[in-house]
Amino acid sequence: MMRYKEYEVLFCERTNKYAIELKELLNDLKNNSNYSPNDLRECVRLAHTINGSAGLMGCGSLNNLASTMEKILREKTNLNQDTINKMISSVDLIIKYSDDFSSLKNSDFQQFLNS
């Protein structure tokens, strides 16, 4: 049986992987106005995965951020260059902090989408 610390490590590894994939796709959306609907669906899926796992692990701010990104991507509301740039900056922070569970759990990610 895995101990909680092992789940934290696994969560950080997976969050990093999903965030890197999401950043690549967001950059594609930013640079290509004729992006593939499959790319947008994959962005939604990745944001949803980060959202759910962050909630499960008690990372409230990360959960809220990923939920907001998922909603914007799913509804395509305010999906413009500025919003995509804010999401990319937020994902950069997720990547930066993903090597340390307490940083992911205690960081205030939501402020970046609200600015």
N, C-alpha and C. Protein backbone atom coordinates (compact mmCIF):
# COMPACT_ATOMS: atom_id res chain seq x y z
N MET A 1 0.83 -1.18 0.00
CA MET A 1 0.00 0.00 0.00
C MET A 1 0.89 1.25 0.00
N MET A 2 0.54 2.21 -0.85
CA MET A 2 1.32 3.44 -0.94
C MET A 2 1.06 4.32 0.28
N ARG A 3 2.11 4.96 0.74
CA ARG A 3 1.96 5.94 1.80
C ARG A 3 1.63 7.29 1.18
N TYR A 4 1.07 8.18 1.96
CA TYR A 4 0.62 9.47 1.46
C TYR A 4 1.76 10.23 0.77
N LYS A 5 2.94 10.16 1.33
CA LYS A 5 4.09 10.87 0.75
C LYS A 5 4.35 10.38 -0.68
N GLU A 6 4.17 9.10 -0.93
CA GLU A 6 4.35 8.56 -2.28
C GLU A 6 3.29 9.12 -3.23
N TYR A 7 2.08 9.31 -2.73
CA TYR A 7 1.02 9.93 -3.54
C TYR A 7 1.38 11.38 -3.86
N GLU A 8 1.96 12.07 -2.89
CA GLU A 8 2.38 13.45 -3.13
C GLU A 8 3.41 13.52 -4.25
N VAL A 9 4.39 12.61 -4.21
CA VAL A 9 5.43 12.58 -5.26
C VAL A 9 4.80 12.27 -6.61
N LEU A 10 3.94 11.29 -6.65
CA LEU A 10 3.27 10.92 -7.89
C LEU A 10 2.42 12.08 -8.41
N PHE A 11 1.71 12.74 -7.52
CA PHE A 11 0.90 13.90 -7.90
C PHE A 11 1.77 14.99 -8.52
N CYS A 12 2.90 15.28 -7.90
CA CYS A 12 3.81 16.31 -8.43
C CYS A 12 4.34 15.92 -9.81
N GLU A 13 4.73 14.67 -9.97
CA GLU A 13 5.25 14.21 -11.26
C GLU A 13 4.20 14.32 -12.35
N ARG A 14 3.00 13.86 -12.06
CA ARG A 14 1.92 13.88 -13.05
C ARG A 14 1.48 15.32 -13.35
N THR A 15 1.41 16.14 -12.31
CA THR A 15 1.02 17.54 -12.51
C THR A 15 2.02 18.22 -13.42
N ASN A 16 3.29 17.97 -13.20
CA ASN A 16 4.33 18.54 -14.05
C ASN A 16 4.15 18.09 -15.50
N LYS A 17 3.95 16.81 -15.70
CA LYS A 17 3.78 16.26 -17.04
C LYS A 17 2.57 16.88 -17.74
N TYR A 18 1.44 16.92 -17.05
CA TYR A 18 0.22 17.48 -17.65
C TYR A 18 0.36 18.98 -17.91
N ALA A 19 1.03 19.69 -17.01
CA ALA A 19 1.22 21.13 -17.19
C ALA A 19 2.11 21.42 -18.40
N ILE A 20 3.15 20.63 -18.58
CA ILE A 20 4.03 20.82 -19.75
C ILE A 20 3.25 20.58 -21.03
N GLU A 21 2.45 19.52 -21.06
CA GLU A 21 1.63 19.24 -22.24
C GLU A 21 0.63 20.37 -22.49
N LEU A 22 0.01 20.87 -21.41
CA LEU A 22 -0.97 21.94 -21.54
C LEU A 22 -0.31 23.21 -22.07
N LYS A 23 0.88 23.52 -21.58
CA LYS A 23 1.59 24.72 -22.05
C LYS A 23 1.88 24.62 -23.54
N GLU A 24 2.33 23.47 -23.99
CA GLU A 24 2.61 23.29 -25.42
C GLU A 24 1.35 23.53 -26.26
N LEU A 25 0.23 22.98 -25.81
CA LEU A 25 -1.02 23.15 -26.55
C LEU A 25 -1.53 24.59 -26.49
N LEU A 26 -1.38 25.24 -25.35
CA LEU A 26 -1.78 26.65 -25.25
C LEU A 26 -0.95 27.52 -26.17
N ASN A 27 0.34 27.23 -26.27
CA ASN A 27 1.18 27.97 -27.20
C ASN A 27 0.73 27.74 -28.64
N ASP A 28 0.30 26.52 -28.95
CA ASP A 28 -0.24 26.25 -30.28
C ASP A 28 -1.51 27.07 -30.52
N LEU A 29 -2.39 27.14 -29.53
CA LEU A 29 -3.61 27.94 -29.66
C LEU A 29 -3.27 29.41 -29.87
N LYS A 30 -2.29 29.87 -29.12
CA LYS A 30 -1.90 31.27 -29.19
C LYS A 30 -1.34 31.63 -30.57
N ASN A 31 -0.57 30.72 -31.14
CA ASN A 31 0.13 31.00 -32.39
C ASN A 31 -0.62 30.59 -33.64
N ASN A 32 -1.78 29.98 -33.47
CA ASN A 32 -2.50 29.48 -34.64
C ASN A 32 -4.00 29.71 -34.44
N SER A 33 -4.53 30.71 -35.12
CA SER A 33 -5.96 31.00 -34.97
C SER A 33 -6.83 29.91 -35.56
N ASN A 34 -6.26 29.05 -36.40
CA ASN A 34 -7.00 27.93 -36.98
C ASN A 34 -6.63 26.62 -36.28
N TYR A 35 -6.59 26.66 -34.95
CA TYR A 35 -6.21 25.47 -34.19
C TYR A 35 -7.23 24.36 -34.37
N SER A 36 -6.77 23.18 -34.13
CA SER A 36 -7.60 21.99 -34.26
C SER A 36 -8.56 21.88 -33.07
N PRO A 37 -9.82 21.51 -33.32
CA PRO A 37 -10.74 21.26 -32.21
C PRO A 37 -10.21 20.17 -31.27
N ASN A 38 -9.44 19.23 -31.82
CA ASN A 38 -8.85 18.18 -30.98
C ASN A 38 -7.85 18.77 -29.99
N ASP A 39 -7.09 19.80 -30.43
CA ASP A 39 -6.15 20.45 -29.52
C ASP A 39 -6.89 21.14 -28.38
N LEU A 40 -7.99 21.78 -28.71
CA LEU A 40 -8.78 22.44 -27.67
C LEU A 40 -9.37 21.41 -26.70
N ARG A 41 -9.87 20.31 -27.21
CA ARG A 41 -10.40 19.24 -26.35
C ARG A 41 -9.29 18.69 -25.44
N GLU A 42 -8.10 18.55 -25.98
CA GLU A 42 -6.98 18.04 -25.17
C GLU A 42 -6.62 19.04 -24.08
N CYS A 43 -6.67 20.33 -24.37
CA CYS A 43 -6.44 21.35 -23.34
C CYS A 43 -7.47 21.22 -22.22
N VAL A 44 -8.74 21.05 -22.60
CA VAL A 44 -9.80 20.88 -21.62
C VAL A 44 -9.53 19.64 -20.77
N ARG A 45 -9.15 18.55 -21.42
CA ARG A 45 -8.88 17.30 -20.70
C ARG A 45 -7.74 17.47 -19.70
N LEU A 46 -6.66 18.12 -20.13
CA LEU A 46 -5.51 18.31 -19.23
C LEU A 46 -5.87 19.22 -18.06
N ALA A 47 -6.58 20.32 -18.33
CA ALA A 47 -7.00 21.21 -17.24
C ALA A 47 -7.93 20.46 -16.29
N HIS A 48 -8.82 19.65 -16.84
CA HIS A 48 -9.75 18.86 -16.02
C HIS A 48 -8.99 17.87 -15.14
N THR A 49 -7.97 17.24 -15.69
CA THR A 49 -7.18 16.27 -14.93
C THR A 49 -6.43 16.95 -13.80
N ILE A 50 -5.80 18.09 -14.08
CA ILE A 50 -5.10 18.84 -13.03
C ILE A 50 -6.11 19.30 -11.98
N ASN A 51 -7.25 19.77 -12.44
CA ASN A 51 -8.32 20.23 -11.55
C ASN A 51 -8.73 19.12 -10.58
N GLY A 52 -9.06 17.97 -11.10
CA GLY A 52 -9.54 16.87 -10.27
C GLY A 52 -8.50 16.35 -9.31
N SER A 53 -7.28 16.17 -9.80
CA SER A 53 -6.24 15.63 -8.91
C SER A 53 -5.84 16.65 -7.85
N ALA A 54 -5.85 17.95 -8.20
CA ALA A 54 -5.53 18.98 -7.21
C ALA A 54 -6.60 19.00 -6.11
N GLY A 55 -7.85 18.84 -6.51
CA GLY A 55 -8.92 18.79 -5.51
C GLY A 55 -8.77 17.59 -4.59
N LEU A 56 -8.45 16.46 -5.17
CA LEU A 56 -8.28 15.23 -4.40
C LEU A 56 -7.13 15.35 -3.40
N MET A 57 -6.08 16.08 -3.80
CA MET A 57 -4.90 16.21 -2.95
C MET A 57 -4.97 17.41 -2.01
N GLY A 58 -6.08 18.15 -2.05
CA GLY A 58 -6.25 19.27 -1.13
C GLY A 58 -5.53 20.54 -1.53
N CYS A 59 -5.23 20.68 -2.80
CA CYS A 59 -4.54 21.88 -3.31
C CYS A 59 -5.59 22.85 -3.85
N GLY A 60 -6.25 23.56 -2.94
CA GLY A 60 -7.40 24.37 -3.28
C GLY A 60 -7.17 25.43 -4.33
N SER A 61 -6.10 26.20 -4.21
CA SER A 61 -5.84 27.27 -5.16
C SER A 61 -5.54 26.71 -6.55
N LEU A 62 -4.75 25.65 -6.61
CA LEU A 62 -4.45 25.01 -7.89
C LEU A 62 -5.73 24.42 -8.48
N ASN A 63 -6.56 23.83 -7.64
CA ASN A 63 -7.85 23.29 -8.07
C ASN A 63 -8.71 24.40 -8.68
N ASN A 64 -8.78 25.55 -8.02
CA ASN A 64 -9.57 26.67 -8.53
C ASN A 64 -9.03 27.20 -9.84
N LEU A 65 -7.71 27.31 -9.94
CA LEU A 65 -7.09 27.79 -11.17
C LEU A 65 -7.40 26.84 -12.33
N ALA A 66 -7.18 25.56 -12.12
CA ALA A 66 -7.42 24.59 -13.19
C ALA A 66 -8.89 24.55 -13.56
N SER A 67 -9.76 24.70 -12.58
CA SER A 67 -11.20 24.73 -12.85
C SER A 67 -11.56 25.94 -13.72
N THR A 68 -10.98 27.09 -13.41
CA THR A 68 -11.23 28.30 -14.20
C THR A 68 -10.72 28.12 -15.62
N MET A 69 -9.52 27.57 -15.77
CA MET A 69 -8.97 27.34 -17.10
C MET A 69 -9.85 26.36 -17.87
N GLU A 70 -10.26 25.30 -17.21
CA GLU A 70 -11.11 24.31 -17.86
C GLU A 70 -12.40 24.95 -18.37
N LYS A 71 -13.01 25.78 -17.54
CA LYS A 71 -14.26 26.44 -17.93
C LYS A 71 -14.06 27.36 -19.12
N ILE A 72 -13.02 28.16 -19.10
CA ILE A 72 -12.74 29.07 -20.21
C ILE A 72 -12.51 28.28 -21.49
N LEU A 73 -11.72 27.22 -21.39
CA LEU A 73 -11.42 26.41 -22.58
C LEU A 73 -12.66 25.66 -23.08
N ARG A 74 -13.44 25.15 -22.18
CA ARG A 74 -14.63 24.38 -22.56
C ARG A 74 -15.68 25.29 -23.23
N GLU A 75 -15.88 26.46 -22.63
CA GLU A 75 -16.90 27.36 -23.14
C GLU A 75 -16.38 28.31 -24.22
N LYS A 76 -15.06 28.35 -24.37
CA LYS A 76 -14.40 29.27 -25.31
C LYS A 76 -14.77 30.72 -25.02
N THR A 77 -15.11 30.99 -23.76
CA THR A 77 -15.44 32.34 -23.33
C THR A 77 -14.14 33.10 -23.04
N ASN A 78 -14.03 34.27 -23.61
CA ASN A 78 -12.83 35.10 -23.40
C ASN A 78 -11.55 34.38 -23.80
N LEU A 79 -11.65 33.51 -24.77
CA LEU A 79 -10.46 32.78 -25.22
C LEU A 79 -9.75 33.65 -26.26
N ASN A 80 -9.02 34.63 -25.75
CA ASN A 80 -8.29 35.55 -26.61
C ASN A 80 -6.81 35.50 -26.25
N GLN A 81 -6.00 36.26 -26.95
CA GLN A 81 -4.55 36.24 -26.74
C GLN A 81 -4.19 36.57 -25.29
N ASP A 82 -4.84 37.58 -24.72
CA ASP A 82 -4.53 37.98 -23.36
C ASP A 82 -4.83 36.85 -22.37
N THR A 83 -6.00 36.23 -22.52
CA THR A 83 -6.38 35.14 -21.62
C THR A 83 -5.44 33.95 -21.79
N ILE A 84 -5.12 33.62 -23.03
CA ILE A 84 -4.20 32.50 -23.27
C ILE A 84 -2.83 32.80 -22.66
N ASN A 85 -2.36 34.04 -22.80
CA ASN A 85 -1.08 34.42 -22.19
C ASN A 85 -1.12 34.29 -20.67
N LYS A 86 -2.24 34.68 -20.05
CA LYS A 86 -2.38 34.52 -18.59
C LYS A 86 -2.37 33.05 -18.20
N MET A 87 -3.04 32.22 -19.01
CA MET A 87 -3.05 30.78 -18.71
C MET A 87 -1.64 30.21 -18.83
N ILE A 88 -0.91 30.63 -19.87
CA ILE A 88 0.47 30.14 -20.05
C ILE A 88 1.33 30.55 -18.86
N SER A 89 1.19 31.80 -18.40
CA SER A 89 1.96 32.25 -17.22
C SER A 89 1.59 31.44 -15.98
N SER A 90 0.31 31.14 -15.83
CA SER A 90 -0.13 30.33 -14.70
C SER A 90 0.44 28.92 -14.79
N VAL A 91 0.41 28.35 -15.97
CA VAL A 91 0.95 27.00 -16.17
C VAL A 91 2.45 26.99 -15.91
N ASP A 92 3.14 28.07 -16.29
CA ASP A 92 4.58 28.17 -15.99
C ASP A 92 4.83 28.06 -14.49
N LEU A 93 3.96 28.69 -13.68
CA LEU A 93 4.12 28.60 -12.22
C LEU A 93 3.82 27.20 -11.72
N ILE A 94 2.82 26.56 -12.30
CA ILE A 94 2.53 25.17 -11.91
C ILE A 94 3.77 24.31 -12.17
N ILE A 95 4.38 24.49 -13.34
CA ILE A 95 5.58 23.73 -13.68
C ILE A 95 6.70 24.05 -12.70
N LYS A 96 6.88 25.33 -12.40
CA LYS A 96 7.94 25.76 -11.49
C LYS A 96 7.79 25.12 -10.11
N TYR A 97 6.56 25.05 -9.60
CA TYR A 97 6.34 24.55 -8.25
C TYR A 97 6.06 23.06 -8.19
N SER A 98 6.00 22.39 -9.33
CA SER A 98 5.56 20.99 -9.33
C SER A 98 6.58 20.00 -8.78
N ASP A 99 7.76 20.47 -8.41
CA ASP A 99 8.72 19.55 -7.81
C ASP A 99 8.57 19.50 -6.28
N ASP A 100 7.63 20.29 -5.75
CA ASP A 100 7.47 20.35 -4.30
C ASP A 100 5.99 20.41 -3.95
N PHE A 101 5.49 19.38 -3.30
CA PHE A 101 4.06 19.29 -3.00
C PHE A 101 3.58 20.47 -2.17
N SER A 102 4.32 20.86 -1.15
CA SER A 102 3.85 21.95 -0.28
C SER A 102 3.74 23.26 -1.07
N SER A 103 4.60 23.47 -2.06
CA SER A 103 4.49 24.66 -2.90
C SER A 103 3.22 24.61 -3.74
N LEU A 104 2.91 23.44 -4.30
CA LEU A 104 1.68 23.30 -5.08
C LEU A 104 0.46 23.50 -4.19
N LYS A 105 0.55 23.00 -2.97
CA LYS A 105 -0.60 23.06 -2.07
C LYS A 105 -0.83 24.46 -1.52
N ASN A 106 0.24 25.21 -1.30
CA ASN A 106 0.12 26.48 -0.58
C ASN A 106 0.24 27.73 -1.44
N SER A 107 0.50 27.59 -2.73
CA SER A 107 0.64 28.76 -3.59
C SER A 107 -0.72 29.32 -3.97
N ASP A 108 -0.75 30.63 -4.17
CA ASP A 108 -1.98 31.30 -4.59
C ASP A 108 -1.94 31.48 -6.10
N PHE A 109 -2.36 30.46 -6.82
CA PHE A 109 -2.32 30.50 -8.28
C PHE A 109 -3.43 31.36 -8.86
N GLN A 110 -4.54 31.47 -8.18
CA GLN A 110 -5.72 32.12 -8.75
C GLN A 110 -5.46 33.58 -9.11
N GLN A 111 -4.57 34.23 -8.40
CA GLN A 111 -4.32 35.64 -8.64
C GLN A 111 -3.87 35.91 -10.08
N PHE A 112 -3.27 34.95 -10.73
CA PHE A 112 -2.71 35.19 -12.06
C PHE A 112 -3.78 35.28 -13.13
N LEU A 113 -4.85 34.56 -13.00
CA LEU A 113 -5.94 34.69 -13.97
C LEU A 113 -6.80 35.92 -13.68
N ASN A 114 -6.80 36.37 -12.45
CA ASN A 114 -7.62 37.53 -12.08
C ASN A 114 -6.96 38.85 -12.41
N SER A 115 -5.67 38.83 -12.73
CA SER A 115 -4.97 40.11 -12.98
C SER A 115 -5.28 40.68 -14.33
